[in-house]
N, C-alpha and C. Protein backbone atom coordinates (compact mmCIF):
# COMPACT_ATOMS: atom_id res chain seq x y z
N MET A 1 0.79 -0.99 0.31
CA MET A 1 0.01 0.04 0.03
C MET A 1 0.78 1.21 -0.02
N VAL A 2 1.90 1.35 0.93
CA VAL A 2 2.88 2.38 0.85
C VAL A 2 3.44 2.65 -0.59
N PHE A 3 3.88 1.66 -1.22
CA PHE A 3 4.61 1.93 -2.49
C PHE A 3 3.36 2.42 -3.55
N ALA A 4 2.41 1.92 -3.68
CA ALA A 4 1.37 2.26 -4.22
C ALA A 4 1.02 3.94 -4.11
N LEU A 5 1.24 4.43 -2.98
CA LEU A 5 0.99 5.82 -2.57
C LEU A 5 2.29 6.49 -3.10
N PHE A 6 3.65 5.90 -3.14
CA PHE A 6 4.80 6.47 -3.53
C PHE A 6 4.51 6.63 -5.00
N GLN A 7 4.04 5.72 -5.62
CA GLN A 7 3.72 5.77 -7.22
C GLN A 7 2.84 6.74 -7.39
N LEU A 8 1.69 6.87 -6.88
CA LEU A 8 0.55 8.00 -7.19
C LEU A 8 1.35 9.38 -6.93
N VAL A 9 1.80 9.63 -5.73
CA VAL A 9 2.45 11.08 -5.49
C VAL A 9 3.51 11.32 -6.48
N GLY A 10 4.15 10.26 -6.69
CA GLY A 10 5.48 10.42 -7.77
C GLY A 10 5.00 10.72 -9.29
N GLY A 11 4.09 9.91 -9.51
CA GLY A 11 3.46 9.83 -10.85
C GLY A 11 2.48 11.43 -10.83
N ILE A 12 1.95 11.83 -9.95
CA ILE A 12 1.50 13.14 -9.97
C ILE A 12 2.40 14.39 -10.09
N ILE A 13 3.46 14.19 -9.25
CA ILE A 13 4.56 15.34 -9.61
C ILE A 13 5.03 15.21 -10.91
N LEU A 14 5.26 14.00 -11.54
CA LEU A 14 6.00 13.75 -12.85
C LEU A 14 4.75 14.58 -13.90
N ALA A 15 3.64 14.50 -13.68
CA ALA A 15 2.39 14.69 -14.63
C ALA A 15 2.57 15.91 -14.54
N PHE A 16 2.29 16.75 -13.47
CA PHE A 16 1.97 18.15 -13.21
C PHE A 16 3.24 18.96 -13.46
N GLY A 17 4.48 18.31 -13.62
CA GLY A 17 5.69 19.00 -13.94
C GLY A 17 5.54 19.36 -15.26
N TRP A 18 4.72 19.13 -16.07
CA TRP A 18 4.68 19.69 -17.42
C TRP A 18 3.94 20.96 -17.39
N ILE A 19 2.97 21.41 -16.37
CA ILE A 19 2.11 22.53 -16.55
C ILE A 19 2.86 23.73 -16.37
N PRO A 20 3.94 23.96 -15.85
CA PRO A 20 4.91 25.20 -15.99
C PRO A 20 5.01 25.41 -17.61
N GLN A 21 5.45 24.18 -18.31
CA GLN A 21 5.84 24.40 -19.60
C GLN A 21 4.75 24.86 -20.49
N ILE A 22 3.61 24.28 -20.08
CA ILE A 22 2.27 24.72 -20.80
C ILE A 22 1.94 25.81 -20.47
N ALA A 23 1.89 26.35 -19.34
CA ALA A 23 1.67 27.65 -18.93
C ALA A 23 2.61 28.62 -19.78
N GLN A 24 3.83 28.68 -19.78
CA GLN A 24 4.66 29.19 -20.43
C GLN A 24 4.52 29.34 -22.24
N ILE A 25 4.02 28.37 -22.73
CA ILE A 25 3.70 28.31 -24.13
C ILE A 25 2.40 29.00 -24.17
N LEU A 26 1.54 29.05 -23.49
CA LEU A 26 0.08 29.60 -23.52
C LEU A 26 0.52 31.28 -23.17
N LYS A 27 1.29 31.74 -22.28
CA LYS A 27 1.71 32.89 -22.24
C LYS A 27 2.31 33.63 -23.27
N THR A 28 3.43 33.00 -23.77
CA THR A 28 4.15 33.74 -24.69
C THR A 28 3.66 33.29 -26.09
N LYS A 29 2.92 32.19 -26.27
CA LYS A 29 2.65 31.63 -27.56
C LYS A 29 3.64 31.41 -28.42
N SER A 30 4.74 31.01 -27.90
CA SER A 30 6.04 30.63 -28.43
C SER A 30 6.34 29.35 -28.35
N VAL A 31 6.96 28.74 -29.27
CA VAL A 31 7.40 27.26 -29.12
C VAL A 31 8.84 27.03 -29.71
N ARG A 32 9.49 28.25 -29.92
CA ARG A 32 10.65 28.54 -30.56
C ARG A 32 11.83 27.40 -29.98
N ASP A 33 11.86 27.45 -28.99
CA ASP A 33 13.06 26.85 -28.34
C ASP A 33 12.70 25.42 -27.81
N LEU A 34 11.55 24.70 -28.18
CA LEU A 34 11.09 23.63 -28.01
C LEU A 34 11.35 22.76 -29.20
N ASN A 35 12.00 21.35 -29.09
CA ASN A 35 12.34 20.57 -30.19
C ASN A 35 10.83 19.63 -30.08
N PRO A 36 10.22 19.78 -31.37
CA PRO A 36 9.10 18.88 -31.34
C PRO A 36 9.45 17.24 -31.15
N LYS A 37 10.63 16.99 -31.78
CA LYS A 37 11.11 15.43 -31.95
C LYS A 37 11.13 15.00 -30.28
N THR A 38 11.65 15.85 -29.53
CA THR A 38 11.68 15.66 -28.02
C THR A 38 10.54 15.12 -27.60
N PHE A 39 9.47 15.86 -27.92
CA PHE A 39 8.10 15.71 -27.27
C PHE A 39 7.42 14.53 -27.82
N ARG A 40 7.57 14.46 -29.20
CA ARG A 40 7.13 13.18 -30.06
C ARG A 40 7.80 11.78 -29.29
N LEU A 41 8.83 12.03 -29.13
CA LEU A 41 9.38 10.57 -28.48
C LEU A 41 8.90 10.50 -27.00
N LEU A 42 8.72 11.52 -26.31
CA LEU A 42 8.29 11.50 -24.81
C LEU A 42 6.85 10.91 -25.10
N PHE A 43 5.93 11.34 -26.09
CA PHE A 43 4.79 10.88 -26.29
C PHE A 43 4.51 9.32 -26.27
N ILE A 44 5.70 8.90 -27.58
CA ILE A 44 5.40 7.67 -27.65
C ILE A 44 5.92 6.56 -26.59
N GLY A 45 6.91 7.06 -25.83
CA GLY A 45 7.30 6.11 -24.92
C GLY A 45 6.28 6.16 -23.52
N ILE A 46 5.43 7.43 -23.33
CA ILE A 46 4.54 7.31 -22.31
C ILE A 46 3.28 6.61 -22.85
N GLY A 47 3.07 6.54 -24.41
CA GLY A 47 1.95 5.75 -24.87
C GLY A 47 2.21 4.48 -24.67
N LEU A 48 3.52 4.03 -24.75
CA LEU A 48 3.69 2.56 -24.70
C LEU A 48 3.50 2.15 -23.12
N MET A 49 3.98 2.94 -22.12
CA MET A 49 3.76 2.79 -20.89
C MET A 49 2.37 2.72 -20.57
N GLU A 50 1.49 3.32 -21.35
CA GLU A 50 -0.12 3.35 -21.05
C GLU A 50 -0.61 2.00 -21.43
N VAL A 51 -0.07 1.32 -22.67
CA VAL A 51 -0.44 0.35 -22.84
C VAL A 51 -0.12 -0.99 -21.67
N TYR A 52 1.06 -0.86 -21.13
CA TYR A 52 1.43 -1.68 -19.92
C TYR A 52 0.48 -1.14 -18.69
N ALA A 53 0.15 -0.02 -18.38
CA ALA A 53 -0.78 0.33 -17.52
C ALA A 53 -2.08 -0.39 -17.50
N VAL A 54 -2.68 -0.11 -18.69
CA VAL A 54 -3.98 -0.81 -18.90
C VAL A 54 -3.82 -2.18 -18.59
N ARG A 55 -3.07 -2.77 -19.02
CA ARG A 55 -2.58 -4.36 -18.90
C ARG A 55 -2.64 -4.52 -17.31
N LEU A 56 -1.82 -3.79 -16.65
CA LEU A 56 -1.86 -3.97 -15.16
C LEU A 56 -3.29 -4.03 -14.41
N ALA A 57 -4.04 -2.91 -14.91
CA ALA A 57 -5.32 -2.33 -14.43
C ALA A 57 -6.32 -3.58 -14.72
N THR A 58 -6.17 -4.13 -15.65
CA THR A 58 -7.38 -5.46 -16.09
C THR A 58 -6.80 -6.48 -15.35
N GLN A 59 -5.75 -6.68 -14.52
CA GLN A 59 -5.22 -7.45 -13.98
C GLN A 59 -5.69 -7.17 -12.40
N GLY A 60 -6.13 -6.16 -12.24
CA GLY A 60 -6.43 -5.76 -10.75
C GLY A 60 -5.56 -4.93 -9.88
N VAL A 61 -4.44 -4.56 -10.62
CA VAL A 61 -3.46 -3.68 -9.96
C VAL A 61 -2.91 -2.71 -10.84
N GLY A 62 -2.09 -1.99 -10.26
CA GLY A 62 -1.48 -0.55 -11.15
C GLY A 62 -2.64 0.54 -11.46
N TYR A 63 -3.37 0.79 -10.57
CA TYR A 63 -4.33 1.90 -10.92
C TYR A 63 -3.91 3.18 -10.83
N ALA A 64 -3.05 3.23 -9.74
CA ALA A 64 -2.38 4.63 -9.65
C ALA A 64 -1.53 4.95 -10.81
N PHE A 65 -0.82 3.70 -11.37
CA PHE A 65 -0.05 3.83 -12.50
C PHE A 65 -0.80 4.32 -13.51
N LEU A 66 -1.88 3.78 -13.92
CA LEU A 66 -2.83 3.83 -15.10
C LEU A 66 -3.28 5.58 -14.93
N VAL A 67 -3.76 5.81 -13.72
CA VAL A 67 -4.07 7.09 -13.47
C VAL A 67 -3.25 8.19 -13.88
N THR A 68 -1.92 8.11 -13.40
CA THR A 68 -0.92 9.23 -13.64
C THR A 68 -0.34 9.04 -14.79
N ASN A 69 -0.13 8.05 -15.39
CA ASN A 69 0.39 7.84 -16.59
C ASN A 69 -0.73 8.27 -17.80
N SER A 70 -1.81 8.11 -17.77
CA SER A 70 -3.03 8.66 -18.41
C SER A 70 -2.79 10.12 -18.38
N LEU A 71 -2.57 10.72 -17.47
CA LEU A 71 -2.65 12.15 -17.12
C LEU A 71 -1.17 12.56 -17.92
N SER A 72 -0.27 12.10 -17.56
CA SER A 72 1.02 12.40 -18.38
C SER A 72 0.93 12.51 -19.85
N LEU A 73 0.05 11.46 -20.15
CA LEU A 73 -0.12 11.30 -21.74
C LEU A 73 -0.92 12.40 -22.40
N LEU A 74 -1.97 12.80 -21.54
CA LEU A 74 -3.00 13.71 -22.01
C LEU A 74 -1.99 15.28 -22.08
N LEU A 75 -1.36 15.31 -20.99
CA LEU A 75 -0.35 16.68 -20.95
C LEU A 75 0.37 16.50 -22.08
N MET A 76 1.08 15.51 -22.38
CA MET A 76 2.09 15.61 -23.39
C MET A 76 1.34 15.89 -24.68
N LEU A 77 0.11 15.25 -24.98
CA LEU A 77 -0.69 15.50 -26.13
C LEU A 77 -0.72 16.98 -26.44
N PHE A 78 -1.14 17.36 -25.19
CA PHE A 78 -1.77 18.92 -25.25
C PHE A 78 -0.52 19.88 -25.49
N ILE A 79 0.79 19.51 -25.30
CA ILE A 79 1.91 20.18 -25.45
C ILE A 79 2.40 19.98 -26.89
N LEU A 80 2.04 18.82 -27.41
CA LEU A 80 2.43 18.61 -28.93
C LEU A 80 1.36 19.38 -29.77
N VAL A 81 0.25 19.32 -29.33
CA VAL A 81 -0.95 20.35 -29.85
C VAL A 81 -0.36 21.76 -30.04
N LEU A 82 -0.06 22.08 -28.76
CA LEU A 82 0.41 23.70 -28.77
C LEU A 82 1.79 23.81 -29.72
N ILE A 83 2.55 22.77 -29.72
CA ILE A 83 3.90 23.04 -30.61
C ILE A 83 3.37 23.11 -32.02
N PHE A 84 2.39 22.31 -32.34
CA PHE A 84 2.17 22.44 -33.83
C PHE A 84 1.33 23.60 -34.22
N ARG A 85 0.62 24.12 -33.10
CA ARG A 85 -0.18 25.48 -33.40
C ARG A 85 0.66 26.55 -33.36
N TYR A 86 1.60 26.57 -32.68
CA TYR A 86 2.46 27.81 -32.40
C TYR A 86 3.67 27.85 -33.20
N ARG A 87 4.14 26.78 -33.83
CA ARG A 87 5.49 26.45 -34.33
C ARG A 87 5.90 27.56 -35.54
N ASN A 88 4.70 28.05 -36.31
CA ASN A 88 5.00 28.89 -37.30
C ASN A 88 4.52 30.26 -36.81
N THR A 89 4.40 30.44 -35.78
CA THR A 89 3.81 31.74 -35.27
C THR A 89 5.20 32.79 -35.28
N LYS A 90 5.07 33.93 -35.93
CA LYS A 90 5.98 34.75 -36.18
C LYS A 90 6.42 35.74 -34.62
N GLU A 91 7.80 35.53 -34.24
CA GLU A 91 7.88 36.36 -32.99
C GLU A 91 7.81 37.84 -33.22
N LYS A 92 7.47 38.49 -32.33
CA LYS A 92 7.25 39.85 -32.17
C LYS A 92 8.52 40.74 -31.98
């Protein structure tokens, strides 16, 4: 039980660690210094872990992993959408 709590708290910290990056993109409407390849690879990696998380959850374990990984996947997808939305925006 304690380890599940560690995973849940750690996963939430990792997932919400992307919020400052999202806020910066939304504030500046600039992704000039972000490499889309990095975020695509992160998305693929998190997506593969999501498959594993779903498998664990169907076996009755790993719900904390599924929740926090799903949150990370959604936030990474949001960052990718922002990168593609703002990548051709001219800097003022």
